[in-house]
Amino acid sequence: MNTSEIENLQNELFTENIKRMHPQSRQTLLAEISALEKDKKADEKAKQYLKWVSKQTEFNYYLALLPKGNGLILLKQNLKGAIVLGLNRPNEKLQPFFEGHHLILELLNIHSMQKGEGYKMMQKVISLSKKLDSPICLWAETEEIVQYFERYGFENYGALGENNECMMVFHND
């Protein structure tokens, strides 16, 4: 097998795994939403975020949950794009960049298999960010990635990552 054939096989296995995990992941998500609805002290942003995810996974996306609550994978049902998101508390080192925000959206990965799909997914994430009044944070490894996200209004705060990745933030102001 050549490299291209191996990559295609890996992508097919990944896709099949996500599809297979979707019903259980969605069931877990709905149970979490139900538990939050009953908890009077539950964070409203967390509820809104999970409800948004639930709505996306009704018809548009397959869902897979990352281990330890670190985020989730949304794979477009047309298989033309995937996004990995989390709603997390900023670590101590980064809190000064997110004054007034106890939770931030983290864009962990975005992948488009067709031109225009990345744009559509980014518009959804930006819309969610505005709805939650929560900034979006991501780590960019290359100048090309930095330039891509600057087009959406992300601000580059420089090489703050463990491996000198650039921290980029989208603010709703």
C-alpha atoms as a PDB file:
ATOM      1  CA  MET A   1       0.000   0.000   0.000  1.00  0.00           C
ATOM      2  CA  ASN A   2       1.226   3.466  -0.784  1.00  0.00           C
ATOM      3  CA  THR A   3       0.891   6.426   1.601  1.00  0.00           C
ATOM      4  CA  SER A   4      -2.283   7.707  -0.063  1.00  0.00           C
ATOM      5  CA  GLU A   5      -4.003   4.320   0.232  1.00  0.00           C
ATOM      6  CA  ILE A   6      -3.018   4.043   3.911  1.00  0.00           C
ATOM      7  CA  GLU A   7      -4.348   7.564   4.622  1.00  0.00           C
ATOM      8  CA  ASN A   8      -7.639   6.740   2.875  1.00  0.00           C
ATOM      9  CA  LEU A   9      -7.988   3.548   4.910  1.00  0.00           C
ATOM     10  CA  GLN A  10      -7.231   5.438   8.142  1.00  0.00           C
ATOM     11  CA  ASN A  11      -9.820   8.092   7.236  1.00  0.00           C
ATOM     12  CA  GLU A  12     -12.407   5.395   6.496  1.00  0.00           C
ATOM     13  CA  LEU A  13     -11.697   3.678   9.831  1.00  0.00           C
ATOM     14  CA  PHE A  14     -11.915   7.025  11.649  1.00  0.00           C
ATOM     15  CA  THR A  15     -15.227   7.820   9.954  1.00  0.00           C
ATOM     16  CA  GLU A  16     -16.678   4.392  10.718  1.00  0.00           C
ATOM     17  CA  ASN A  17     -15.608   4.705  14.365  1.00  0.00           C
ATOM     18  CA  ILE A  18     -17.291   8.097  14.701  1.00  0.00           C
ATOM     19  CA  LYS A  19     -20.484   6.804  13.073  1.00  0.00           C
ATOM     20  CA  ARG A  20     -20.475   3.771  15.361  1.00  0.00           C
ATOM     21  CA  MET A  21     -19.866   5.898  18.481  1.00  0.00           C
ATOM     22  CA  HIS A  22     -22.485   8.523  17.563  1.00  0.00           C
ATOM     23  CA  PRO A  23     -25.586   6.935  19.189  1.00  0.00           C
ATOM     24  CA  GLN A  24     -23.801   6.293  22.498  1.00  0.00           C
ATOM     25  CA  SER A  25     -22.114   9.711  22.453  1.00  0.00           C
ATOM     26  CA  ARG A  26     -25.416  11.426  21.775  1.00  0.00           C
ATOM     27  CA  GLN A  27     -27.103   9.443  24.564  1.00  0.00           C
ATOM     28  CA  THR A  28     -24.331  10.517  26.966  1.00  0.00           C
ATOM     29  CA  LEU A  29     -24.730  14.134  25.834  1.00  0.00           C
ATOM     30  CA  LEU A  30     -28.500  14.102  26.384  1.00  0.00           C
ATOM     31  CA  ALA A  31     -28.041  12.554  29.845  1.00  0.00           C
ATOM     32  CA  GLU A  32     -25.561  15.301  30.726  1.00  0.00           C
ATOM     33  CA  ILE A  33     -27.990  17.985  29.542  1.00  0.00           C
ATOM     34  CA  SER A  34     -30.757  16.391  31.615  1.00  0.00           C
ATOM     35  CA  ALA A  35     -28.525  16.343  34.705  1.00  0.00           C
ATOM     36  CA  LEU A  36     -27.572  19.990  34.200  1.00  0.00           C
ATOM     37  CA  GLU A  37     -31.219  20.986  33.797  1.00  0.00           C
ATOM     38  CA  LYS A  38     -31.959  19.497  37.234  1.00  0.00           C
ATOM     39  CA  ASP A  39     -28.950  21.157  38.876  1.00  0.00           C
ATOM     40  CA  LYS A  40     -29.892  24.655  40.029  1.00  0.00           C
ATOM     41  CA  LYS A  41     -26.193  25.573  40.329  1.00  0.00           C
ATOM     42  CA  ALA A  42     -25.233  24.361  36.850  1.00  0.00           C
ATOM     43  CA  ASP A  43     -23.426  26.825  34.634  1.00  0.00           C
ATOM     44  CA  GLU A  44     -25.755  28.391  32.048  1.00  0.00           C
ATOM     45  CA  LYS A  45     -23.005  28.616  29.415  1.00  0.00           C
ATOM     46  CA  ALA A  46     -22.297  24.910  29.782  1.00  0.00           C
ATOM     47  CA  LYS A  47     -26.011  24.161  29.321  1.00  0.00           C
ATOM     48  CA  GLN A  48     -26.259  26.380  26.248  1.00  0.00           C
ATOM     49  CA  TYR A  49     -23.118  24.824  24.771  1.00  0.00           C
ATOM     50  CA  LEU A  50     -24.345  21.260  25.229  1.00  0.00           C
ATOM     51  CA  LYS A  51     -27.775  22.146  23.820  1.00  0.00           C
ATOM     52  CA  TRP A  52     -26.076  23.680  20.779  1.00  0.00           C
ATOM     53  CA  VAL A  53     -24.060  20.475  20.301  1.00  0.00           C
ATOM     54  CA  SER A  54     -27.244  18.417  20.659  1.00  0.00           C
ATOM     55  CA  LYS A  55     -28.975  20.480  17.994  1.00  0.00           C
ATOM     56  CA  GLN A  56     -26.013  20.108  15.609  1.00  0.00           C
ATOM     57  CA  THR A  57     -26.012  16.336  16.063  1.00  0.00           C
ATOM     58  CA  GLU A  58     -29.705  15.884  15.272  1.00  0.00           C
ATOM     59  CA  PHE A  59     -29.185  16.087  11.503  1.00  0.00           C
ATOM     60  CA  ASN A  60     -25.895  17.725  10.533  1.00  0.00           C
ATOM     61  CA  TYR A  61     -23.078  16.095  12.485  1.00  0.00           C
ATOM     62  CA  TYR A  62     -21.962  12.795  13.965  1.00  0.00           C
ATOM     63  CA  LEU A  63     -20.730  13.136  17.547  1.00  0.00           C
ATOM     64  CA  ALA A  64     -17.843  11.514  19.389  1.00  0.00           C
ATOM     65  CA  LEU A  65     -16.759  12.497  22.893  1.00  0.00           C
ATOM     66  CA  LEU A  66     -13.085  12.870  23.743  1.00  0.00           C
ATOM     67  CA  PRO A  67     -11.802  11.105  26.872  1.00  0.00           C
ATOM     68  CA  LYS A  68     -11.883  12.881  30.251  1.00  0.00           C
ATOM     69  CA  GLY A  69     -14.304  15.548  29.043  1.00  0.00           C
ATOM     70  CA  ASN A  70     -11.585  17.323  27.067  1.00  0.00           C
ATOM     71  CA  GLY A  71     -13.862  18.109  24.145  1.00  0.00           C
ATOM     72  CA  LEU A  72     -15.834  16.538  21.361  1.00  0.00           C
ATOM     73  CA  ILE A  73     -15.616  15.745  17.680  1.00  0.00           C
ATOM     74  CA  LEU A  74     -18.322  16.867  15.280  1.00  0.00           C
ATOM     75  CA  LEU A  75     -18.010  15.124  11.905  1.00  0.00           C
ATOM     76  CA  LYS A  76     -20.267  16.482   9.191  1.00  0.00           C
ATOM     77  CA  GLN A  77     -22.705  13.811   8.071  1.00  0.00           C
ATOM     78  CA  ASN A  78     -21.765  14.573   4.460  1.00  0.00           C
ATOM     79  CA  LEU A  79     -18.211  13.631   5.583  1.00  0.00           C
ATOM     80  CA  LYS A  80     -16.786  16.870   4.167  1.00  0.00           C
ATOM     81  CA  GLY A  81     -15.571  18.414   7.404  1.00  0.00           C
ATOM     82  CA  ALA A  82     -14.818  17.833  11.052  1.00  0.00           C
ATOM     83  CA  ILE A  83     -14.333  20.090  14.029  1.00  0.00           C
ATOM     84  CA  VAL A  84     -13.002  19.341  17.496  1.00  0.00           C
ATOM     85  CA  LEU A  85     -14.269  21.694  20.222  1.00  0.00           C
ATOM     86  CA  GLY A  86     -14.192  22.090  23.962  1.00  0.00           C
ATOM     87  CA  LEU A  87     -15.751  24.482  26.469  1.00  0.00           C
ATOM     88  CA  ASN A  88     -13.095  24.722  29.138  1.00  0.00           C
ATOM     89  CA  ARG A  89     -11.746  26.887  31.915  1.00  0.00           C
ATOM     90  CA  PRO A  90      -8.578  28.739  30.883  1.00  0.00           C
ATOM     91  CA  ASN A  91      -5.529  27.521  32.780  1.00  0.00           C
ATOM     92  CA  GLU A  92      -3.939  29.900  35.291  1.00  0.00           C
ATOM     93  CA  LYS A  93      -1.223  31.035  32.906  1.00  0.00           C
ATOM     94  CA  LEU A  94      -3.796  32.090  30.298  1.00  0.00           C
ATOM     95  CA  GLN A  95      -6.457  33.643  32.554  1.00  0.00           C
ATOM     96  CA  PRO A  96      -5.143  37.215  32.028  1.00  0.00           C
ATOM     97  CA  PHE A  97      -6.051  36.910  28.334  1.00  0.00           C
ATOM     98  CA  PHE A  98      -9.665  36.043  29.184  1.00  0.00           C
ATOM     99  CA  GLU A  99     -10.616  38.519  31.907  1.00  0.00           C
ATOM    100  CA  GLY A 100     -14.272  38.193  32.828  1.00  0.00           C
ATOM    101  CA  HIS A 101     -14.639  34.764  31.207  1.00  0.00           C
ATOM    102  CA  HIS A 102     -14.621  31.638  33.343  1.00  0.00           C
ATOM    103  CA  LEU A 103     -15.239  29.388  30.322  1.00  0.00           C
ATOM    104  CA  ILE A 104     -13.788  29.667  26.824  1.00  0.00           C
ATOM    105  CA  LEU A 105     -14.454  27.815  23.603  1.00  0.00           C
ATOM    106  CA  GLU A 106     -11.367  25.939  22.505  1.00  0.00           C
ATOM    107  CA  LEU A 107     -11.043  25.106  18.841  1.00  0.00           C
ATOM    108  CA  LEU A 108      -8.835  22.038  19.071  1.00  0.00           C
ATOM    109  CA  ASN A 109      -8.929  21.117  15.381  1.00  0.00           C
ATOM    110  CA  ILE A 110     -10.804  21.855  12.194  1.00  0.00           C
ATOM    111  CA  HIS A 111     -10.495  19.897   8.984  1.00  0.00           C
ATOM    112  CA  SER A 112     -12.238  20.479   5.679  1.00  0.00           C
ATOM    113  CA  MET A 113     -12.308  17.934   2.868  1.00  0.00           C
ATOM    114  CA  GLN A 114     -14.028  20.306   0.444  1.00  0.00           C
ATOM    115  CA  LYS A 115     -13.489  23.979  -0.260  1.00  0.00           C
ATOM    116  CA  GLY A 116     -15.951  26.114   1.665  1.00  0.00           C
ATOM    117  CA  GLU A 117     -16.736  23.567   4.386  1.00  0.00           C
ATOM    118  CA  GLY A 118     -14.178  25.047   6.792  1.00  0.00           C
ATOM    119  CA  TYR A 119     -15.754  28.476   6.317  1.00  0.00           C
ATOM    120  CA  LYS A 120     -19.225  27.107   7.110  1.00  0.00           C
ATOM    121  CA  MET A 121     -17.983  25.355  10.247  1.00  0.00           C
ATOM    122  CA  MET A 122     -16.117  28.476  11.402  1.00  0.00           C
ATOM    123  CA  GLN A 123     -19.261  30.557  10.978  1.00  0.00           C
ATOM    124  CA  LYS A 124     -21.122  28.110  13.246  1.00  0.00           C
ATOM    125  CA  VAL A 125     -18.397  28.284  15.906  1.00  0.00           C
ATOM    126  CA  ILE A 126     -18.235  32.093  15.764  1.00  0.00           C
ATOM    127  CA  SER A 127     -22.026  32.252  16.056  1.00  0.00           C
ATOM    128  CA  LEU A 128     -21.872  29.938  19.090  1.00  0.00           C
ATOM    129  CA  SER A 129     -19.137  32.093  20.609  1.00  0.00           C
ATOM    130  CA  LYS A 130     -21.351  35.160  20.299  1.00  0.00           C
ATOM    131  CA  LYS A 131     -24.368  33.322  21.721  1.00  0.00           C
ATOM    132  CA  LEU A 132     -22.331  32.203  24.743  1.00  0.00           C
ATOM    133  CA  ASP A 133     -20.476  35.518  25.002  1.00  0.00           C
ATOM    134  CA  SER A 134     -17.330  33.439  25.201  1.00  0.00           C
ATOM    135  CA  PRO A 135     -14.036  33.967  23.367  1.00  0.00           C
ATOM    136  CA  ILE A 136     -12.574  31.265  21.135  1.00  0.00           C
ATOM    137  CA  CYS A 137      -8.999  30.135  21.723  1.00  0.00           C
ATOM    138  CA  LEU A 138      -6.818  28.005  19.467  1.00  0.00           C
ATOM    139  CA  TRP A 139      -3.171  27.119  19.009  1.00  0.00           C
ATOM    140  CA  ALA A 140      -1.611  27.610  15.560  1.00  0.00           C
ATOM    141  CA  GLU A 141       1.538  25.681  14.643  1.00  0.00           C
ATOM    142  CA  THR A 142       2.400  27.441  11.376  1.00  0.00           C
ATOM    143  CA  GLU A 143       2.304  30.913   9.874  1.00  0.00           C
ATOM    144  CA  GLU A 144      -0.147  29.605   7.259  1.00  0.00           C
ATOM    145  CA  ILE A 145      -2.583  28.590  10.018  1.00  0.00           C
ATOM    146  CA  VAL A 146      -2.114  31.958  11.758  1.00  0.00           C
ATOM    147  CA  GLN A 147      -3.006  33.782   8.530  1.00  0.00           C
ATOM    148  CA  TYR A 148      -6.035  31.540   7.961  1.00  0.00           C
ATOM    149  CA  PHE A 149      -7.553  32.368  11.346  1.00  0.00           C
ATOM    150  CA  GLU A 150      -6.647  36.063  11.175  1.00  0.00           C
ATOM    151  CA  ARG A 151      -9.102  36.248   8.257  1.00  0.00           C
ATOM    152  CA  TYR A 152     -11.866  35.370  10.740  1.00  0.00           C
ATOM    153  CA  GLY A 153     -10.818  38.081  13.188  1.00  0.00           C
ATOM    154  CA  PHE A 154      -8.606  36.017  15.496  1.00  0.00           C
ATOM    155  CA  GLU A 155      -5.827  37.943  17.214  1.00  0.00           C
ATOM    156  CA  ASN A 156      -2.357  36.397  17.415  1.00  0.00           C
ATOM    157  CA  TYR A 157      -0.839  36.687  20.914  1.00  0.00           C
ATOM    158  CA  GLY A 158       2.442  35.077  19.887  1.00  0.00           C
ATOM    159  CA  ALA A 159       4.295  31.851  20.632  1.00  0.00           C
ATOM    160  CA  LEU A 160       2.892  31.004  24.075  1.00  0.00           C
ATOM    161  CA  GLY A 161       2.402  27.265  23.567  1.00  0.00           C
ATOM    162  CA  GLU A 162       4.581  24.506  24.999  1.00  0.00           C
ATOM    163  CA  ASN A 163       6.053  23.922  21.532  1.00  0.00           C
ATOM    164  CA  ASN A 164       5.997  27.595  20.514  1.00  0.00           C
ATOM    165  CA  GLU A 165       2.523  27.407  18.993  1.00  0.00           C
ATOM    166  CA  CYS A 166       0.875  30.785  18.564  1.00  0.00           C
ATOM    167  CA  MET A 167      -2.098  31.401  20.818  1.00  0.00           C
ATOM    168  CA  MET A 168      -4.917  32.968  18.839  1.00  0.00           C
ATOM    169  CA  VAL A 169      -8.099  34.401  20.314  1.00  0.00           C
ATOM    170  CA  PHE A 170     -11.384  35.533  18.818  1.00  0.00           C
ATOM    171  CA  HIS A 171     -13.079  38.123  21.047  1.00  0.00           C
ATOM    172  CA  ASN A 172     -16.720  39.104  20.629  1.00  0.00           C
ATOM    173  CA  ASP A 173     -16.200  42.801  21.381  1.00  0.00           C
END
